[in-house]
Amino acid sequence: MNLEHIYEFFRHRPPTYLGQELAVCYVLSVLVEKESYGTELIALLETQHPGYRLSDTVLYSAIKFLEDEKAIAGYWKKVQGRGRPRRMYQINPQWQTQSQDLARLWREYITTNPG
């Protein structure tokens, strides 16, 4: 390592991986707007917030948490342009207010920590 390596690190910071708490809020922020499926959630994060990443493990752990809490429901749907049916997720109606509040926490976080 030398000083140039340190400067290079800050010029091209590696992406930050979301923990489960942020992943839950991120997933809800997407689902408040539209239904989605796992790989799309990961791709949207990388496109909309290139400084952040989400592992499959953390994503599906967050989704399981939200399903256990009855915040979201999943169902199978054939997505146009995709081979096999996808497991789509949507917010349960009784969770709309709570979901919007948690989505707001995600938006505030990325505003203060742009990645």
PDB file of N, CA and C in Angstrom:
ATOM      1  N   MET A   1       0.850  -1.176   0.000  1.00  0.00           N
ATOM      2  CA  MET A   1       0.000   0.000   0.000  1.00  0.00           C
ATOM      3  C   MET A   1       0.889   1.230   0.000  1.00  0.00           C
ATOM      4  N   ASN A   2       0.389   2.273  -0.663  1.00  0.00           N
ATOM      5  CA  ASN A   2       1.061   3.562  -0.625  1.00  0.00           C
ATOM      6  C   ASN A   2      -0.012   4.655  -0.574  1.00  0.00           C
ATOM      7  N   LEU A   3       0.399   5.895  -0.504  1.00  0.00           N
ATOM      8  CA  LEU A   3      -0.570   6.996  -0.393  1.00  0.00           C
ATOM      9  C   LEU A   3      -1.522   7.046  -1.583  1.00  0.00           C
ATOM     10  N   GLU A   4      -1.017   6.746  -2.753  1.00  0.00           N
ATOM     11  CA  GLU A   4      -1.889   6.760  -3.934  1.00  0.00           C
ATOM     12  C   GLU A   4      -3.026   5.759  -3.795  1.00  0.00           C
ATOM     13  N   HIS A   5      -2.759   4.613  -3.171  1.00  0.00           N
ATOM     14  CA  HIS A   5      -3.826   3.629  -2.948  1.00  0.00           C
ATOM     15  C   HIS A   5      -4.930   4.214  -2.056  1.00  0.00           C
ATOM     16  N   ILE A   6      -4.529   4.963  -1.083  1.00  0.00           N
ATOM     17  CA  ILE A   6      -5.521   5.585  -0.185  1.00  0.00           C
ATOM     18  C   ILE A   6      -6.369   6.590  -0.949  1.00  0.00           C
ATOM     19  N   TYR A   7      -5.741   7.442  -1.739  1.00  0.00           N
ATOM     20  CA  TYR A   7      -6.491   8.415  -2.536  1.00  0.00           C
ATOM     21  C   TYR A   7      -7.390   7.716  -3.553  1.00  0.00           C
ATOM     22  N   GLU A   8      -6.894   6.662  -4.141  1.00  0.00           N
ATOM     23  CA  GLU A   8      -7.672   5.905  -5.120  1.00  0.00           C
ATOM     24  C   GLU A   8      -8.914   5.292  -4.469  1.00  0.00           C
ATOM     25  N   PHE A   9      -8.761   4.796  -3.242  1.00  0.00           N
ATOM     26  CA  PHE A   9      -9.898   4.241  -2.511  1.00  0.00           C
ATOM     27  C   PHE A   9     -11.019   5.272  -2.381  1.00  0.00           C
ATOM     28  N   PHE A  10     -10.674   6.497  -2.027  1.00  0.00           N
ATOM     29  CA  PHE A  10     -11.697   7.522  -1.823  1.00  0.00           C
ATOM     30  C   PHE A  10     -12.244   8.072  -3.140  1.00  0.00           C
ATOM     31  N   ARG A  11     -11.467   8.002  -4.197  1.00  0.00           N
ATOM     32  CA  ARG A  11     -11.962   8.427  -5.512  1.00  0.00           C
ATOM     33  C   ARG A  11     -12.945   7.403  -6.079  1.00  0.00           C
ATOM     34  N   HIS A  12     -12.693   6.137  -5.809  1.00  0.00           N
ATOM     35  CA  HIS A  12     -13.511   5.053  -6.352  1.00  0.00           C
ATOM     36  C   HIS A  12     -13.868   4.079  -5.239  1.00  0.00           C
ATOM     37  N   ARG A  13     -14.668   4.589  -4.298  1.00  0.00           N
ATOM     38  CA  ARG A  13     -15.034   3.777  -3.141  1.00  0.00           C
ATOM     39  C   ARG A  13     -15.758   2.505  -3.554  1.00  0.00           C
ATOM     40  N   PRO A  14     -15.447   1.412  -2.885  1.00  0.00           N
ATOM     41  CA  PRO A  14     -16.198   0.175  -3.171  1.00  0.00           C
ATOM     42  C   PRO A  14     -17.640   0.351  -2.700  1.00  0.00           C
ATOM     43  N   PRO A  15     -18.558  -0.388  -3.300  1.00  0.00           N
ATOM     44  CA  PRO A  15     -19.958  -0.245  -2.899  1.00  0.00           C
ATOM     45  C   PRO A  15     -20.174  -0.677  -1.450  1.00  0.00           C
ATOM     46  N   THR A  16     -21.180  -0.101  -0.850  1.00  0.00           N
ATOM     47  CA  THR A  16     -21.587  -0.434   0.505  1.00  0.00           C
ATOM     48  C   THR A  16     -22.718  -1.459   0.420  1.00  0.00           C
ATOM     49  N   TYR A  17     -22.563  -2.565   1.129  1.00  0.00           N
ATOM     50  CA  TYR A  17     -23.609  -3.595   1.145  1.00  0.00           C
ATOM     51  C   TYR A  17     -24.621  -3.290   2.245  1.00  0.00           C
ATOM     52  N   LEU A  18     -25.896  -3.390   1.904  1.00  0.00           N
ATOM     53  CA  LEU A  18     -26.958  -3.120   2.864  1.00  0.00           C
ATOM     54  C   LEU A  18     -27.059  -4.243   3.883  1.00  0.00           C
ATOM     55  N   GLY A  19     -27.277  -3.856   5.133  1.00  0.00           N
ATOM     56  CA  GLY A  19     -27.635  -4.813   6.173  1.00  0.00           C
ATOM     57  C   GLY A  19     -29.134  -5.043   6.124  1.00  0.00           C
ATOM     58  N   GLN A  20     -29.621  -5.943   6.949  1.00  0.00           N
ATOM     59  CA  GLN A  20     -31.037  -6.300   6.895  1.00  0.00           C
ATOM     60  C   GLN A  20     -31.968  -5.124   7.190  1.00  0.00           C
ATOM     61  N   GLU A  21     -31.599  -4.272   8.145  1.00  0.00           N
ATOM     62  CA  GLU A  21     -32.475  -3.141   8.488  1.00  0.00           C
ATOM     63  C   GLU A  21     -32.678  -2.226   7.279  1.00  0.00           C
ATOM     64  N   LEU A  22     -31.578  -1.875   6.615  1.00  0.00           N
ATOM     65  CA  LEU A  22     -31.691  -1.037   5.428  1.00  0.00           C
ATOM     66  C   LEU A  22     -32.390  -1.770   4.295  1.00  0.00           C
ATOM     67  N   ALA A  23     -32.130  -3.064   4.177  1.00  0.00           N
ATOM     68  CA  ALA A  23     -32.758  -3.848   3.112  1.00  0.00           C
ATOM     69  C   ALA A  23     -34.274  -3.857   3.262  1.00  0.00           C
ATOM     70  N   VAL A  24     -34.766  -4.003   4.478  1.00  0.00           N
ATOM     71  CA  VAL A  24     -36.212  -3.981   4.723  1.00  0.00           C
ATOM     72  C   VAL A  24     -36.795  -2.648   4.256  1.00  0.00           C
ATOM     73  N   CYS A  25     -36.162  -1.560   4.642  1.00  0.00           N
ATOM     74  CA  CYS A  25     -36.658  -0.232   4.257  1.00  0.00           C
ATOM     75  C   CYS A  25     -36.562  -0.018   2.752  1.00  0.00           C
ATOM     76  N   TYR A  26     -35.463  -0.477   2.139  1.00  0.00           N
ATOM     77  CA  TYR A  26     -35.303  -0.351   0.693  1.00  0.00           C
ATOM     78  C   TYR A  26     -36.394  -1.130  -0.046  1.00  0.00           C
ATOM     79  N   VAL A  27     -36.602  -2.391   0.340  1.00  0.00           N
ATOM     80  CA  VAL A  27     -37.614  -3.218  -0.317  1.00  0.00           C
ATOM     81  C   VAL A  27     -38.975  -2.540  -0.232  1.00  0.00           C
ATOM     82  N   LEU A  28     -39.328  -2.042   0.925  1.00  0.00           N
ATOM     83  CA  LEU A  28     -40.620  -1.366   1.070  1.00  0.00           C
ATOM     84  C   LEU A  28     -40.685  -0.096   0.229  1.00  0.00           C
ATOM     85  N   SER A  29     -39.559   0.610   0.102  1.00  0.00           N
ATOM     86  CA  SER A  29     -39.568   1.834  -0.718  1.00  0.00           C
ATOM     87  C   SER A  29     -39.891   1.525  -2.176  1.00  0.00           C
ATOM     88  N   VAL A  30     -39.457   0.376  -2.655  1.00  0.00           N
ATOM     89  CA  VAL A  30     -39.790  -0.030  -4.030  1.00  0.00           C
ATOM     90  C   VAL A  30     -41.238  -0.498  -4.096  1.00  0.00           C
ATOM     91  N   LEU A  31     -41.628  -1.347  -3.142  1.00  0.00           N
ATOM     92  CA  LEU A  31     -42.970  -1.928  -3.188  1.00  0.00           C
ATOM     93  C   LEU A  31     -44.074  -0.909  -2.942  1.00  0.00           C
ATOM     94  N   VAL A  32     -43.765   0.207  -2.301  1.00  0.00           N
ATOM     95  CA  VAL A  32     -44.744   1.276  -2.145  1.00  0.00           C
ATOM     96  C   VAL A  32     -45.127   1.819  -3.529  1.00  0.00           C
ATOM     97  N   GLU A  33     -44.167   1.792  -4.439  1.00  0.00           N
ATOM     98  CA  GLU A  33     -44.395   2.316  -5.791  1.00  0.00           C
ATOM     99  C   GLU A  33     -44.973   1.272  -6.744  1.00  0.00           C
ATOM    100  N   LYS A  34     -44.503   0.015  -6.626  1.00  0.00           N
ATOM    101  CA  LYS A  34     -44.947  -1.028  -7.558  1.00  0.00           C
ATOM    102  C   LYS A  34     -44.562  -2.394  -7.011  1.00  0.00           C
ATOM    103  N   GLU A  35     -45.238  -3.421  -7.494  1.00  0.00           N
ATOM    104  CA  GLU A  35     -44.842  -4.778  -7.128  1.00  0.00           C
ATOM    105  C   GLU A  35     -43.516  -5.093  -7.809  1.00  0.00           C
ATOM    106  N   SER A  36     -42.783  -6.039  -7.241  1.00  0.00           N
ATOM    107  CA  SER A  36     -41.480  -6.367  -7.804  1.00  0.00           C
ATOM    108  C   SER A  36     -41.081  -7.777  -7.384  1.00  0.00           C
ATOM    109  N   TYR A  37     -39.964  -8.253  -7.934  1.00  0.00           N
ATOM    110  CA  TYR A  37     -39.427  -9.568  -7.595  1.00  0.00           C
ATOM    111  C   TYR A  37     -37.952  -9.416  -7.241  1.00  0.00           C
ATOM    112  N   GLY A  38     -37.385 -10.454  -6.646  1.00  0.00           N
ATOM    113  CA  GLY A  38     -36.051 -10.388  -6.056  1.00  0.00           C
ATOM    114  C   GLY A  38     -34.952  -9.835  -6.936  1.00  0.00           C
ATOM    115  N   THR A  39     -34.740 -10.445  -8.101  1.00  0.00           N
ATOM    116  CA  THR A  39     -33.623  -9.983  -8.932  1.00  0.00           C
ATOM    117  C   THR A  39     -33.851  -8.566  -9.444  1.00  0.00           C
ATOM    118  N   GLU A  40     -35.096  -8.186  -9.633  1.00  0.00           N
ATOM    119  CA  GLU A  40     -35.384  -6.807 -10.040  1.00  0.00           C
ATOM    120  C   GLU A  40     -35.045  -5.837  -8.913  1.00  0.00           C
ATOM    121  N   LEU A  41     -35.336  -6.219  -7.673  1.00  0.00           N
ATOM    122  CA  LEU A  41     -35.005  -5.354  -6.539  1.00  0.00           C
ATOM    123  C   LEU A  41     -33.499  -5.097  -6.474  1.00  0.00           C
ATOM    124  N   ILE A  42     -32.712  -6.131  -6.694  1.00  0.00           N
ATOM    125  CA  ILE A  42     -31.256  -5.983  -6.673  1.00  0.00           C
ATOM    126  C   ILE A  42     -30.798  -5.093  -7.829  1.00  0.00           C
ATOM    127  N   ALA A  43     -31.335  -5.329  -9.020  1.00  0.00           N
ATOM    128  CA  ALA A  43     -30.947  -4.546 -10.198  1.00  0.00           C
ATOM    129  C   ALA A  43     -31.346  -3.079 -10.045  1.00  0.00           C
ATOM    130  N   LEU A  44     -32.535  -2.820  -9.503  1.00  0.00           N
ATOM    131  CA  LEU A  44     -32.973  -1.432  -9.289  1.00  0.00           C
ATOM    132  C   LEU A  44     -32.038  -0.702  -8.333  1.00  0.00           C
ATOM    133  N   LEU A  45     -31.629  -1.369  -7.275  1.00  0.00           N
ATOM    134  CA  LEU A  45     -30.719  -0.742  -6.317  1.00  0.00           C
ATOM    135  C   LEU A  45     -29.418  -0.351  -7.003  1.00  0.00           C
ATOM    136  N   GLU A  46     -28.847  -1.279  -7.768  1.00  0.00           N
ATOM    137  CA  GLU A  46     -27.568  -1.011  -8.434  1.00  0.00           C
ATOM    138  C   GLU A  46     -27.696   0.097  -9.480  1.00  0.00           C
ATOM    139  N   THR A  47     -28.857   0.193 -10.125  1.00  0.00           N
ATOM    140  CA  THR A  47     -29.073   1.224 -11.138  1.00  0.00           C
ATOM    141  C   THR A  47     -29.346   2.587 -10.507  1.00  0.00           C
ATOM    142  N   GLN A  48     -30.246   2.616  -9.537  1.00  0.00           N
ATOM    143  CA  GLN A  48     -30.665   3.881  -8.940  1.00  0.00           C
ATOM    144  C   GLN A  48     -29.694   4.401  -7.887  1.00  0.00           C
ATOM    145  N   HIS A  49     -28.970   3.504  -7.236  1.00  0.00           N
ATOM    146  CA  HIS A  49     -28.037   3.872  -6.166  1.00  0.00           C
ATOM    147  C   HIS A  49     -26.746   3.085  -6.357  1.00  0.00           C
ATOM    148  N   PRO A  50     -25.916   3.474  -7.333  1.00  0.00           N
ATOM    149  CA  PRO A  50     -24.743   2.669  -7.697  1.00  0.00           C
ATOM    150  C   PRO A  50     -23.733   2.462  -6.572  1.00  0.00           C
ATOM    151  N   GLY A  51     -23.787   3.255  -5.526  1.00  0.00           N
ATOM    152  CA  GLY A  51     -22.857   3.084  -4.416  1.00  0.00           C
ATOM    153  C   GLY A  51     -23.276   2.015  -3.429  1.00  0.00           C
ATOM    154  N   TYR A  52     -24.434   1.404  -3.668  1.00  0.00           N
ATOM    155  CA  TYR A  52     -24.958   0.388  -2.754  1.00  0.00           C
ATOM    156  C   TYR A  52     -25.166  -0.931  -3.476  1.00  0.00           C
ATOM    157  N   ARG A  53     -25.060  -2.007  -2.719  1.00  0.00           N
ATOM    158  CA  ARG A  53     -25.314  -3.354  -3.218  1.00  0.00           C
ATOM    159  C   ARG A  53     -26.146  -4.098  -2.187  1.00  0.00           C
ATOM    160  N   LEU A  54     -26.801  -5.147  -2.661  1.00  0.00           N
ATOM    161  CA  LEU A  54     -27.652  -5.968  -1.813  1.00  0.00           C
ATOM    162  C   LEU A  54     -27.406  -7.417  -2.187  1.00  0.00           C
ATOM    163  N   SER A  55     -26.944  -8.202  -1.223  1.00  0.00           N
ATOM    164  CA  SER A  55     -26.698  -9.622  -1.501  1.00  0.00           C
ATOM    165  C   SER A  55     -28.030 -10.378  -1.515  1.00  0.00           C
ATOM    166  N   ASP A  56     -28.043 -11.495  -2.232  1.00  0.00           N
ATOM    167  CA  ASP A  56     -29.234 -12.347  -2.259  1.00  0.00           C
ATOM    168  C   ASP A  56     -29.630 -12.769  -0.850  1.00  0.00           C
ATOM    169  N   THR A  57     -28.639 -13.129  -0.046  1.00  0.00           N
ATOM    170  CA  THR A  57     -28.901 -13.610   1.309  1.00  0.00           C
ATOM    171  C   THR A  57     -29.623 -12.562   2.140  1.00  0.00           C
ATOM    172  N   VAL A  58     -29.127 -11.341   2.117  1.00  0.00           N
ATOM    173  CA  VAL A  58     -29.749 -10.266   2.907  1.00  0.00           C
ATOM    174  C   VAL A  58     -31.114  -9.911   2.328  1.00  0.00           C
ATOM    175  N   LEU A  59     -31.217  -9.862   1.002  1.00  0.00           N
ATOM    176  CA  LEU A  59     -32.509  -9.552   0.380  1.00  0.00           C
ATOM    177  C   LEU A  59     -33.568 -10.555   0.808  1.00  0.00           C
ATOM    178  N   TYR A  60     -33.285 -11.841   0.657  1.00  0.00           N
ATOM    179  CA  TYR A  60     -34.318 -12.833   0.957  1.00  0.00           C
ATOM    180  C   TYR A  60     -34.561 -12.980   2.454  1.00  0.00           C
ATOM    181  N   SER A  61     -33.595 -12.618   3.260  1.00  0.00           N
ATOM    182  CA  SER A  61     -33.811 -12.556   4.705  1.00  0.00           C
ATOM    183  C   SER A  61     -34.776 -11.413   5.025  1.00  0.00           C
ATOM    184  N   ALA A  62     -34.602 -10.277   4.369  1.00  0.00           N
ATOM    185  CA  ALA A  62     -35.504  -9.127   4.566  1.00  0.00           C
ATOM    186  C   ALA A  62     -36.907  -9.465   4.074  1.00  0.00           C
ATOM    187  N   ILE A  63     -36.998 -10.117   2.923  1.00  0.00           N
ATOM    188  CA  ILE A  63     -38.303 -10.505   2.381  1.00  0.00           C
ATOM    189  C   ILE A  63     -39.001 -11.491   3.321  1.00  0.00           C
ATOM    190  N   LYS A  64     -38.263 -12.456   3.839  1.00  0.00           N
ATOM    191  CA  LYS A  64     -38.861 -13.414   4.782  1.00  0.00           C
ATOM    192  C   LYS A  64     -39.364 -12.698   6.035  1.00  0.00           C
ATOM    193  N   PHE A  65     -38.563 -11.763   6.546  1.00  0.00           N
ATOM    194  CA  PHE A  65     -38.998 -10.977   7.703  1.00  0.00           C
ATOM    195  C   PHE A  65     -40.313 -10.262   7.396  1.00  0.00           C
ATOM    196  N   LEU A  66     -40.372  -9.605   6.243  1.00  0.00           N
ATOM    197  CA  LEU A  66     -41.580  -8.853   5.877  1.00  0.00           C
ATOM    198  C   LEU A  66     -42.777  -9.783   5.673  1.00  0.00           C
ATOM    199  N   GLU A  67     -42.549 -10.957   5.120  1.00  0.00           N
ATOM    200  CA  GLU A  67     -43.647 -11.920   4.973  1.00  0.00           C
ATOM    201  C   GLU A  67     -44.110 -12.433   6.338  1.00  0.00           C
ATOM    202  N   ASP A  68     -43.166 -12.725   7.228  1.00  0.00           N
ATOM    203  CA  ASP A  68     -43.520 -13.187   8.578  1.00  0.00           C
ATOM    204  C   ASP A  68     -44.306 -12.130   9.342  1.00  0.00           C
ATOM    205  N   GLU A  69     -43.994 -10.863   9.089  1.00  0.00           N
ATOM    206  CA  GLU A  69     -44.708  -9.758   9.740  1.00  0.00           C
ATOM    207  C   GLU A  69     -46.047  -9.457   9.059  1.00  0.00           C
ATOM    208  N   LYS A  70     -46.320 -10.170   7.962  1.00  0.00           N
ATOM    209  CA  LYS A  70     -47.539  -9.953   7.162  1.00  0.00           C
ATOM    210  C   LYS A  70     -47.553  -8.578   6.507  1.00  0.00           C
ATOM    211  N   ALA A  71     -46.380  -8.021   6.308  1.00  0.00           N
ATOM    212  CA  ALA A  71     -46.267  -6.715   5.646  1.00  0.00           C
ATOM    213  C   ALA A  71     -46.399  -6.852   4.139  1.00  0.00           C
ATOM    214  N   ILE A  72     -45.866  -7.949   3.596  1.00  0.00           N
ATOM    215  CA  ILE A  72     -45.934  -8.173   2.159  1.00  0.00           C
ATOM    216  C   ILE A  72     -46.455  -9.578   1.893  1.00  0.00           C
ATOM    217  N   ALA A  73     -46.931  -9.751   0.676  1.00  0.00           N
ATOM    218  CA  ALA A  73     -47.384 -11.064   0.223  1.00  0.00           C
ATOM    219  C   ALA A  73     -46.727 -11.346  -1.117  1.00  0.00           C
ATOM    220  N   GLY A  74     -46.432 -12.603  -1.345  1.00  0.00           N
ATOM    221  CA  GLY A  74     -45.837 -13.003  -2.608  1.00  0.00           C
ATOM    222  C   GLY A  74     -46.782 -13.889  -3.392  1.00  0.00           C
ATOM    223  N   TYR A  75     -46.662 -13.827  -4.702  1.00  0.00           N
ATOM    224  CA  TYR A  75     -47.435 -14.692  -5.584  1.00  0.00           C
ATOM    225  C   TYR A  75     -46.633 -14.905  -6.858  1.00  0.00           C
ATOM    226  N   TRP A  76     -46.920 -15.962  -7.587  1.00  0.00           N
ATOM    227  CA  TRP A  76     -46.192 -16.296  -8.808  1.00  0.00           C
ATOM    228  C   TRP A  76     -46.844 -15.622  -9.995  1.00  0.00           C
ATOM    229  N   LYS A  77     -45.998 -15.067 -10.868  1.00  0.00           N
ATOM    230  CA  LYS A  77     -46.502 -14.365 -12.053  1.00  0.00           C
ATOM    231  C   LYS A  77     -45.513 -14.548 -13.197  1.00  0.00           C
ATOM    232  N   LYS A  78     -46.039 -14.758 -14.374  1.00  0.00           N
ATOM    233  CA  LYS A  78     -45.205 -14.813 -15.573  1.00  0.00           C
ATOM    234  C   LYS A  78     -44.909 -13.368 -15.982  1.00  0.00           C
ATOM    235  N   VAL A  79     -43.622 -13.015 -15.991  1.00  0.00           N
ATOM    236  CA  VAL A  79     -43.199 -11.659 -16.340  1.00  0.00           C
ATOM    237  C   VAL A  79     -42.788 -11.653 -17.805  1.00  0.00           C
ATOM    238  N   GLN A  80     -43.356 -10.728 -18.568  1.00  0.00           N
ATOM    239  CA  GLN A  80     -43.048 -10.659 -19.993  1.00  0.00           C
ATOM    240  C   GLN A  80     -41.552 -10.470 -20.214  1.00  0.00           C
ATOM    241  N   GLY A  81     -41.003 -11.241 -21.131  1.00  0.00           N
ATOM    242  CA  GLY A  81     -39.585 -11.151 -21.432  1.00  0.00           C
ATOM    243  C   GLY A  81     -38.716 -12.001 -20.524  1.00  0.00           C
ATOM    244  N   ARG A  82     -39.314 -12.694 -19.585  1.00  0.00           N
ATOM    245  CA  ARG A  82     -38.595 -13.584 -18.662  1.00  0.00           C
ATOM    246  C   ARG A  82     -39.058 -15.003 -18.905  1.00  0.00           C
ATOM    247  N   GLY A  83     -38.180 -15.960 -18.732  1.00  0.00           N
ATOM    248  CA  GLY A  83     -38.511 -17.353 -18.993  1.00  0.00           C
ATOM    249  C   GLY A  83     -39.522 -17.934 -18.035  1.00  0.00           C
ATOM    250  N   ARG A  84     -39.111 -18.142 -16.827  1.00  0.00           N
ATOM    251  CA  ARG A  84     -39.985 -18.802 -15.858  1.00  0.00           C
ATOM    252  C   ARG A  84     -40.756 -17.755 -15.049  1.00  0.00           C
ATOM    253  N   PRO A  85     -41.852 -18.182 -14.414  1.00  0.00           N
ATOM    254  CA  PRO A  85     -42.600 -17.245 -13.566  1.00  0.00           C
ATOM    255  C   PRO A  85     -41.722 -16.712 -12.423  1.00  0.00           C
ATOM    256  N   ARG A  86     -42.001 -15.510 -11.992  1.00  0.00           N
ATOM    257  CA  ARG A  86     -41.267 -14.850 -10.905  1.00  0.00           C
ATOM    258  C   ARG A  86     -42.149 -14.764  -9.670  1.00  0.00           C
ATOM    259  N   ARG A  87     -41.497 -14.782  -8.519  1.00  0.00           N
ATOM    260  CA  ARG A  87     -42.219 -14.593  -7.258  1.00  0.00           C
ATOM    261  C   ARG A  87     -42.322 -13.089  -7.054  1.00  0.00           C
ATOM    262  N   MET A  88     -43.506 -12.554  -7.265  1.00  0.00           N
ATOM    263  CA  MET A  88     -43.756 -11.120  -7.138  1.00  0.00           C
ATOM    264  C   MET A  88     -44.157 -10.812  -5.698  1.00  0.00           C
ATOM    265  N   TYR A  89     -43.776  -9.621  -5.252  1.00  0.00           N
ATOM    266  CA  TYR A  89     -44.107  -9.177  -3.897  1.00  0.00           C
ATOM    267  C   TYR A  89     -44.860  -7.874  -3.965  1.00  0.00           C
ATOM    268  N   GLN A  90     -45.836  -7.744  -3.066  1.00  0.00           N
ATOM    269  CA  GLN A  90     -46.602  -6.506  -2.956  1.00  0.00           C
ATOM    270  C   GLN A  90     -46.929  -6.260  -1.488  1.00  0.00           C
ATOM    271  N   ILE A  91     -47.180  -5.014  -1.171  1.00  0.00           N
ATOM    272  CA  ILE A  91     -47.488  -4.633   0.210  1.00  0.00           C
ATOM    273  C   ILE A  91     -48.941  -4.995   0.522  1.00  0.00           C
ATOM    274  N   ASN A  92     -49.148  -5.591   1.688  1.00  0.00           N
ATOM    275  CA  ASN A  92     -50.507  -5.860   2.149  1.00  0.00           C
ATOM    276  C   ASN A  92     -51.175  -4.537   2.518  1.00  0.00           C
ATOM    277  N   PRO A  93     -52.458  -4.400   2.194  1.00  0.00           N
ATOM    278  CA  PRO A  93     -53.149  -3.119   2.415  1.00  0.00           C
ATOM    279  C   PRO A  93     -53.030  -2.562   3.839  1.00  0.00           C
ATOM    280  N   GLN A  94     -53.089  -3.431   4.844  1.00  0.00           N
ATOM    281  CA  GLN A  94     -53.023  -2.948   6.227  1.00  0.00           C
ATOM    282  C   GLN A  94     -51.636  -2.426   6.599  1.00  0.00           C
ATOM    283  N   TRP A  95     -50.656  -2.641   5.745  1.00  0.00           N
ATOM    284  CA  TRP A  95     -49.282  -2.194   6.006  1.00  0.00           C
ATOM    285  C   TRP A  95     -48.898  -0.953   5.198  1.00  0.00           C
ATOM    286  N   GLN A  96     -49.822  -0.343   4.496  1.00  0.00           N
ATOM    287  CA  GLN A  96     -49.490   0.803   3.639  1.00  0.00           C
ATOM    288  C   GLN A  96     -48.845   1.950   4.428  1.00  0.00           C
ATOM    289  N   THR A  97     -49.436   2.345   5.537  1.00  0.00           N
ATOM    290  CA  THR A  97     -48.913   3.470   6.313  1.00  0.00           C
ATOM    291  C   THR A  97     -47.536   3.160   6.880  1.00  0.00           C
ATOM    292  N   GLN A  98     -47.396   2.000   7.501  1.00  0.00           N
ATOM    293  CA  GLN A  98     -46.114   1.589   8.077  1.00  0.00           C
ATOM    294  C   GLN A  98     -45.051   1.484   6.980  1.00  0.00           C
ATOM    295  N   SER A  99     -45.428   0.953   5.825  1.00  0.00           N
ATOM    296  CA  SER A  99     -44.487   0.802   4.709  1.00  0.00           C
ATOM    297  C   SER A  99     -43.994   2.159   4.222  1.00  0.00           C
ATOM    298  N   GLN A 100     -44.895   3.100   4.119  1.00  0.00           N
ATOM    299  CA  GLN A 100     -44.501   4.446   3.679  1.00  0.00           C
ATOM    300  C   GLN A 100     -43.550   5.090   4.685  1.00  0.00           C
ATOM    301  N   ASP A 101     -43.788   4.852   5.960  1.00  0.00           N
ATOM    302  CA  ASP A 101     -42.905   5.399   6.991  1.00  0.00           C
ATOM    303  C   ASP A 101     -41.504   4.781   6.893  1.00  0.00           C
ATOM    304  N   LEU A 102     -41.428   3.470   6.731  1.00  0.00           N
ATOM    305  CA  LEU A 102     -40.129   2.809   6.614  1.00  0.00           C
ATOM    306  C   LEU A 102     -39.435   3.170   5.294  1.00  0.00           C
ATOM    307  N   ALA A 103     -40.199   3.354   4.236  1.00  0.00           N
ATOM    308  CA  ALA A 103     -39.630   3.799   2.954  1.00  0.00           C
ATOM    309  C   ALA A 103     -39.029   5.195   3.103  1.00  0.00           C
ATOM    310  N   ARG A 104     -39.683   6.035   3.896  1.00  0.00           N
ATOM    311  CA  ARG A 104     -39.156   7.378   4.160  1.00  0.00           C
ATOM    312  C   ARG A 104     -37.811   7.295   4.855  1.00  0.00           C
ATOM    313  N   LEU A 105     -37.644   6.352   5.778  1.00  0.00           N
ATOM    314  CA  LEU A 105     -36.353   6.178   6.456  1.00  0.00           C
ATOM    315  C   LEU A 105     -35.258   5.833   5.449  1.00  0.00           C
ATOM    316  N   TRP A 106     -35.575   4.997   4.471  1.00  0.00           N
ATOM    317  CA  TRP A 106     -34.603   4.661   3.423  1.00  0.00           C
ATOM    318  C   TRP A 106     -34.224   5.917   2.625  1.00  0.00           C
ATOM    319  N   ARG A 107     -35.219   6.677   2.211  1.00  0.00           N
ATOM    320  CA  ARG A 107     -34.942   7.893   1.422  1.00  0.00           C
ATOM    321  C   ARG A 107     -34.102   8.884   2.219  1.00  0.00           C
ATOM    322  N   GLU A 108     -34.396   9.021   3.492  1.00  0.00           N
ATOM    323  CA  GLU A 108     -33.582   9.908   4.337  1.00  0.00           C
ATOM    324  C   GLU A 108     -32.161   9.389   4.468  1.00  0.00           C
ATOM    325  N   TYR A 109     -32.014   8.093   4.595  1.00  0.00           N
ATOM    326  CA  TYR A 109     -30.687   7.505   4.744  1.00  0.00           C
ATOM    327  C   TYR A 109     -29.840   7.748   3.493  1.00  0.00           C
ATOM    328  N   ILE A 110     -30.393   7.498   2.323  1.00  0.00           N
ATOM    329  CA  ILE A 110     -29.588   7.685   1.109  1.00  0.00           C
ATOM    330  C   ILE A 110     -29.320   9.156   0.818  1.00  0.00           C
ATOM    331  N   THR A 111     -30.170  10.036   1.335  1.00  0.00           N
ATOM    332  CA  THR A 111     -29.931  11.467   1.166  1.00  0.00           C
ATOM    333  C   THR A 111     -28.728  11.916   1.999  1.00  0.00           C
ATOM    334  N   THR A 112     -28.619  11.380   3.208  1.00  0.00           N
ATOM    335  CA  THR A 112     -27.507  11.760   4.082  1.00  0.00           C
ATOM    336  C   THR A 112     -26.267  10.893   3.896  1.00  0.00           C
ATOM    337  N   ASN A 113     -26.431   9.727   3.244  1.00  0.00           N
ATOM    338  CA  ASN A 113     -25.321   8.794   2.966  1.00  0.00           C
ATOM    339  C   ASN A 113     -25.384   8.378   1.502  1.00  0.00           C
ATOM    340  N   PRO A 114     -25.045   9.269   0.591  1.00  0.00           N
ATOM    341  CA  PRO A 114     -25.274   8.991  -0.821  1.00  0.00           C
ATOM    342  C   PRO A 114     -24.530   7.786  -1.396  1.00  0.00           C
ATOM    343  N   GLY A 115     -23.627   7.206  -0.659  1.00  0.00           N
ATOM    344  CA  GLY A 115     -22.961   5.996  -1.129  1.00  0.00           C
ATOM    345  C   GLY A 115     -21.916   6.291  -2.085  1.00  0.00           C
TER     346      GLY A 115
END
